[in-house]
Amino acid sequence: MAAIRLIQHAPGAPGLRWFGLGPGLRPTRGLLKLQRLFNKHAFWASGRSIAQLRRLLAGSTVVITLWRDKRMVGFGRATSDGIYRAVLWDVVVAGDLQGCGLGRQVVEALLTAPTISNVERVYLMTTKSTDFYKQLGFQKIKSQKLLCLEEVLRRP
């Protein structure tokens, strides 16, 4: 098996966002590979357009990708104010490589990034991976409730 390479991109991931850069800062059609990873392995993120991917990357404080040769096999991102709060988003690992510790690598890289590592609280939302995140120290918060405003962009 080829070695897995972890890349911590610059804030907003400009190289990935504009040039599709991957390992070794080489053009690898990274946005198409991210789209493919989401479509195949993340039900919550399937169907995102290239323009939407560029926008979500631009607004991300920390972006992590995992690569096996030219294949993107993992991804995660975070947003943060750098002091009080951070949120982990879109952590995904290719299905054929799950259970190998790659998800842990992505989350740990996100949590140790300088703009995340000193915040008071890190949040995340998950539907099917609660046990995975509990292994990493996350816990349910009984004093808080998740509220959601859907389709905020379509409001008058």
C-alpha atoms as a PDB file:
ATOM      1  CA  MET A   1       0.000   0.000   0.000  1.00  0.00           C
ATOM      2  CA  ALA A   2       1.308   3.460  -0.914  1.00  0.00           C
ATOM      3  CA  ALA A   3       2.016   5.858   1.921  1.00  0.00           C
ATOM      4  CA  ILE A   4      -0.694   8.300   2.939  1.00  0.00           C
ATOM      5  CA  ARG A   5       0.334  11.952   2.872  1.00  0.00           C
ATOM      6  CA  LEU A   6      -1.374  14.581   5.046  1.00  0.00           C
ATOM      7  CA  ILE A   7      -1.441  18.169   3.834  1.00  0.00           C
ATOM      8  CA  GLN A   8      -2.421  21.132   5.983  1.00  0.00           C
ATOM      9  CA  HIS A   9      -3.353  23.825   3.500  1.00  0.00           C
ATOM     10  CA  ALA A  10      -3.013  27.560   4.055  1.00  0.00           C
ATOM     11  CA  PRO A  11      -6.166  29.223   5.441  1.00  0.00           C
ATOM     12  CA  GLY A  12      -8.790  29.216   2.713  1.00  0.00           C
ATOM     13  CA  ALA A  13      -6.751  26.583   0.800  1.00  0.00           C
ATOM     14  CA  PRO A  14      -5.927  28.900  -2.131  1.00  0.00           C
ATOM     15  CA  GLY A  15      -3.693  26.360  -3.880  1.00  0.00           C
ATOM     16  CA  LEU A  16      -6.354  23.663  -3.761  1.00  0.00           C
ATOM     17  CA  ARG A  17      -9.166  26.127  -4.447  1.00  0.00           C
ATOM     18  CA  TRP A  18      -7.697  27.830  -7.519  1.00  0.00           C
ATOM     19  CA  PHE A  19      -5.128  25.435  -8.940  1.00  0.00           C
ATOM     20  CA  GLY A  20      -6.231  22.014  -7.675  1.00  0.00           C
ATOM     21  CA  LEU A  21      -2.858  21.510  -6.009  1.00  0.00           C
ATOM     22  CA  GLY A  22      -2.161  18.309  -4.140  1.00  0.00           C
ATOM     23  CA  PRO A  23       0.967  16.627  -2.776  1.00  0.00           C
ATOM     24  CA  GLY A  24       4.206  18.386  -3.648  1.00  0.00           C
ATOM     25  CA  LEU A  25       2.227  21.449  -4.771  1.00  0.00           C
ATOM     26  CA  ARG A  26       1.519  19.670  -8.049  1.00  0.00           C
ATOM     27  CA  PRO A  27      -1.698  20.212 -10.007  1.00  0.00           C
ATOM     28  CA  THR A  28      -3.848  17.138  -9.360  1.00  0.00           C
ATOM     29  CA  ARG A  29      -7.368  18.334 -10.205  1.00  0.00           C
ATOM     30  CA  GLY A  30      -7.886  18.530  -6.444  1.00  0.00           C
ATOM     31  CA  LEU A  31     -11.339  20.120  -6.563  1.00  0.00           C
ATOM     32  CA  LEU A  32     -12.656  17.349  -8.788  1.00  0.00           C
ATOM     33  CA  LYS A  33     -11.121  14.803  -6.438  1.00  0.00           C
ATOM     34  CA  LEU A  34     -12.706  16.499  -3.428  1.00  0.00           C
ATOM     35  CA  GLN A  35     -16.052  16.496  -5.224  1.00  0.00           C
ATOM     36  CA  ARG A  36     -15.636  12.790  -6.000  1.00  0.00           C
ATOM     37  CA  LEU A  37     -14.712  12.011  -2.370  1.00  0.00           C
ATOM     38  CA  PHE A  38     -17.823  13.815  -1.141  1.00  0.00           C
ATOM     39  CA  ASN A  39     -20.082  12.222  -3.747  1.00  0.00           C
ATOM     40  CA  LYS A  40     -18.894   8.686  -3.007  1.00  0.00           C
ATOM     41  CA  HIS A  41     -18.296   8.764   0.744  1.00  0.00           C
ATOM     42  CA  ALA A  42     -20.278  11.608   2.371  1.00  0.00           C
ATOM     43  CA  PHE A  43     -24.046  11.508   1.965  1.00  0.00           C
ATOM     44  CA  TRP A  44     -24.360  14.960   3.566  1.00  0.00           C
ATOM     45  CA  ALA A  45     -21.965  16.542   1.074  1.00  0.00           C
ATOM     46  CA  SER A  46     -22.841  14.848  -2.196  1.00  0.00           C
ATOM     47  CA  GLY A  47     -23.908  17.039  -5.065  1.00  0.00           C
ATOM     48  CA  ARG A  48     -21.804  20.062  -4.145  1.00  0.00           C
ATOM     49  CA  SER A  49     -20.675  22.010  -7.190  1.00  0.00           C
ATOM     50  CA  ILE A  50     -17.102  23.120  -7.855  1.00  0.00           C
ATOM     51  CA  ALA A  51     -18.186  26.725  -7.191  1.00  0.00           C
ATOM     52  CA  GLN A  52     -19.638  25.693  -3.821  1.00  0.00           C
ATOM     53  CA  LEU A  53     -16.455  23.800  -2.944  1.00  0.00           C
ATOM     54  CA  ARG A  54     -14.366  26.873  -3.740  1.00  0.00           C
ATOM     55  CA  ARG A  55     -16.572  28.960  -1.478  1.00  0.00           C
ATOM     56  CA  LEU A  56     -16.495  26.533   1.464  1.00  0.00           C
ATOM     57  CA  LEU A  57     -12.718  26.269   1.206  1.00  0.00           C
ATOM     58  CA  ALA A  58     -12.354  30.062   1.073  1.00  0.00           C
ATOM     59  CA  GLY A  59     -14.277  30.375   4.334  1.00  0.00           C
ATOM     60  CA  SER A  60     -12.333  27.670   6.149  1.00  0.00           C
ATOM     61  CA  THR A  61      -9.743  28.490   8.779  1.00  0.00           C
ATOM     62  CA  VAL A  62      -8.024  25.090   8.539  1.00  0.00           C
ATOM     63  CA  VAL A  63      -8.166  22.609   5.643  1.00  0.00           C
ATOM     64  CA  ILE A  64      -6.653  19.120   5.801  1.00  0.00           C
ATOM     65  CA  THR A  65      -6.401  16.635   2.938  1.00  0.00           C
ATOM     66  CA  LEU A  66      -5.085  13.078   2.868  1.00  0.00           C
ATOM     67  CA  TRP A  67      -3.599  11.645  -0.302  1.00  0.00           C
ATOM     68  CA  ARG A  68      -2.514   8.220  -1.497  1.00  0.00           C
ATOM     69  CA  ASP A  69      -0.426   9.050  -4.552  1.00  0.00           C
ATOM     70  CA  LYS A  70      -2.764  11.254  -6.646  1.00  0.00           C
ATOM     71  CA  ARG A  71      -5.974  10.041  -4.995  1.00  0.00           C
ATOM     72  CA  MET A  72      -7.575  12.213  -2.311  1.00  0.00           C
ATOM     73  CA  VAL A  73      -8.599   9.745   0.394  1.00  0.00           C
ATOM     74  CA  GLY A  74      -9.489  12.067   3.274  1.00  0.00           C
ATOM     75  CA  PHE A  75     -10.611  15.585   4.018  1.00  0.00           C
ATOM     76  CA  GLY A  76     -11.599  17.798   6.921  1.00  0.00           C
ATOM     77  CA  ARG A  77     -11.950  21.470   7.607  1.00  0.00           C
ATOM     78  CA  ALA A  78     -12.623  23.825  10.511  1.00  0.00           C
ATOM     79  CA  THR A  79     -13.753  27.369  11.099  1.00  0.00           C
ATOM     80  CA  SER A  80     -12.805  29.358  14.171  1.00  0.00           C
ATOM     81  CA  ASP A  81     -12.521  32.775  15.761  1.00  0.00           C
ATOM     82  CA  GLY A  82      -9.163  31.594  17.150  1.00  0.00           C
ATOM     83  CA  ILE A  83     -10.102  32.323  20.770  1.00  0.00           C
ATOM     84  CA  TYR A  84     -13.445  30.983  21.919  1.00  0.00           C
ATOM     85  CA  ARG A  85     -15.046  28.636  19.407  1.00  0.00           C
ATOM     86  CA  ALA A  86     -14.227  26.349  16.524  1.00  0.00           C
ATOM     87  CA  VAL A  87     -16.345  23.980  14.477  1.00  0.00           C
ATOM     88  CA  LEU A  88     -15.155  20.907  12.605  1.00  0.00           C
ATOM     89  CA  TRP A  89     -16.827  20.342   9.232  1.00  0.00           C
ATOM     90  CA  ASP A  90     -16.900  17.723   6.496  1.00  0.00           C
ATOM     91  CA  VAL A  91     -14.558  15.117   7.975  1.00  0.00           C
ATOM     92  CA  VAL A  92     -14.568  12.247   5.502  1.00  0.00           C
ATOM     93  CA  VAL A  93     -12.360   9.262   4.661  1.00  0.00           C
ATOM     94  CA  ALA A  94     -12.766   7.010   1.635  1.00  0.00           C
ATOM     95  CA  GLY A  95     -14.827   3.975   2.596  1.00  0.00           C
ATOM     96  CA  ASP A  96     -12.191   1.427   1.571  1.00  0.00           C
ATOM     97  CA  LEU A  97      -9.714   3.038   4.000  1.00  0.00           C
ATOM     98  CA  GLN A  98     -11.975   3.579   7.004  1.00  0.00           C
ATOM     99  CA  GLY A  99     -10.868   1.826  10.170  1.00  0.00           C
ATOM    100  CA  CYS A 100      -7.167   2.461   9.441  1.00  0.00           C
ATOM    101  CA  GLY A 101      -6.766   5.534  11.673  1.00  0.00           C
ATOM    102  CA  LEU A 102      -7.041   8.088   8.877  1.00  0.00           C
ATOM    103  CA  GLY A 103     -10.104   9.831  10.327  1.00  0.00           C
ATOM    104  CA  ARG A 104      -8.197  10.193  13.584  1.00  0.00           C
ATOM    105  CA  GLN A 105      -5.284  11.743  11.655  1.00  0.00           C
ATOM    106  CA  VAL A 106      -7.581  14.297  10.033  1.00  0.00           C
ATOM    107  CA  VAL A 107      -9.284  15.259  13.304  1.00  0.00           C
ATOM    108  CA  GLU A 108      -6.010  15.457  15.231  1.00  0.00           C
ATOM    109  CA  ALA A 109      -4.468  17.635  12.511  1.00  0.00           C
ATOM    110  CA  LEU A 110      -7.471  19.952  12.689  1.00  0.00           C
ATOM    111  CA  LEU A 111      -7.375  20.129  16.496  1.00  0.00           C
ATOM    112  CA  THR A 112      -3.631  20.829  16.663  1.00  0.00           C
ATOM    113  CA  ALA A 113      -3.694  23.613  14.068  1.00  0.00           C
ATOM    114  CA  PRO A 114      -2.630  26.884  15.749  1.00  0.00           C
ATOM    115  CA  THR A 115      -5.966  28.669  15.182  1.00  0.00           C
ATOM    116  CA  ILE A 116      -7.905  25.756  16.702  1.00  0.00           C
ATOM    117  CA  SER A 117      -5.661  24.351  19.428  1.00  0.00           C
ATOM    118  CA  ASN A 118      -6.242  27.125  21.969  1.00  0.00           C
ATOM    119  CA  VAL A 119      -9.974  27.750  21.664  1.00  0.00           C
ATOM    120  CA  GLU A 120     -12.240  27.144  24.651  1.00  0.00           C
ATOM    121  CA  ARG A 121     -14.618  24.788  22.858  1.00  0.00           C
ATOM    122  CA  VAL A 122     -14.676  22.801  19.609  1.00  0.00           C
ATOM    123  CA  TYR A 123     -18.036  21.782  18.175  1.00  0.00           C
ATOM    124  CA  LEU A 124     -19.013  19.280  15.522  1.00  0.00           C
ATOM    125  CA  MET A 125     -22.201  17.741  14.214  1.00  0.00           C
ATOM    126  CA  THR A 126     -22.494  14.098  13.233  1.00  0.00           C
ATOM    127  CA  THR A 127     -25.297  11.752  12.318  1.00  0.00           C
ATOM    128  CA  LYS A 128     -23.635   8.346  12.206  1.00  0.00           C
ATOM    129  CA  SER A 129     -20.166   8.706  13.741  1.00  0.00           C
ATOM    130  CA  THR A 130     -20.852   9.544  17.385  1.00  0.00           C
ATOM    131  CA  ASP A 131     -18.809   6.599  18.673  1.00  0.00           C
ATOM    132  CA  PHE A 132     -15.808   7.566  16.535  1.00  0.00           C
ATOM    133  CA  TYR A 133     -15.783  11.118  17.911  1.00  0.00           C
ATOM    134  CA  LYS A 134     -16.292   9.923  21.498  1.00  0.00           C
ATOM    135  CA  GLN A 135     -13.057   7.908  21.128  1.00  0.00           C
ATOM    136  CA  LEU A 136     -11.327  11.209  20.365  1.00  0.00           C
ATOM    137  CA  GLY A 137     -12.661  12.900  23.506  1.00  0.00           C
ATOM    138  CA  PHE A 138     -15.811  14.579  22.176  1.00  0.00           C
ATOM    139  CA  GLN A 139     -18.914  14.287  24.307  1.00  0.00           C
ATOM    140  CA  LYS A 140     -22.578  15.128  24.128  1.00  0.00           C
ATOM    141  CA  ILE A 141     -23.481  18.454  25.688  1.00  0.00           C
ATOM    142  CA  LYS A 142     -26.602  18.127  27.776  1.00  0.00           C
ATOM    143  CA  SER A 143     -26.863  21.847  28.515  1.00  0.00           C
ATOM    144  CA  GLN A 144     -27.125  22.834  24.842  1.00  0.00           C
ATOM    145  CA  LYS A 145     -29.571  22.096  22.051  1.00  0.00           C
ATOM    146  CA  LEU A 146     -28.841  22.143  18.337  1.00  0.00           C
ATOM    147  CA  LEU A 147     -31.070  24.578  16.472  1.00  0.00           C
ATOM    148  CA  CYS A 148     -31.152  24.964  12.724  1.00  0.00           C
ATOM    149  CA  LEU A 149     -32.431  27.585  10.272  1.00  0.00           C
ATOM    150  CA  GLU A 150     -32.670  25.928   6.892  1.00  0.00           C
ATOM    151  CA  GLU A 151     -32.549  27.678   3.542  1.00  0.00           C
ATOM    152  CA  VAL A 152     -31.365  30.958   5.010  1.00  0.00           C
ATOM    153  CA  LEU A 153     -30.115  32.003   1.580  1.00  0.00           C
ATOM    154  CA  ARG A 154     -33.623  31.852   0.133  1.00  0.00           C
ATOM    155  CA  ARG A 155     -35.267  34.060   2.726  1.00  0.00           C
ATOM    156  CA  PRO A 156     -36.591  37.440   1.486  1.00  0.00           C
END
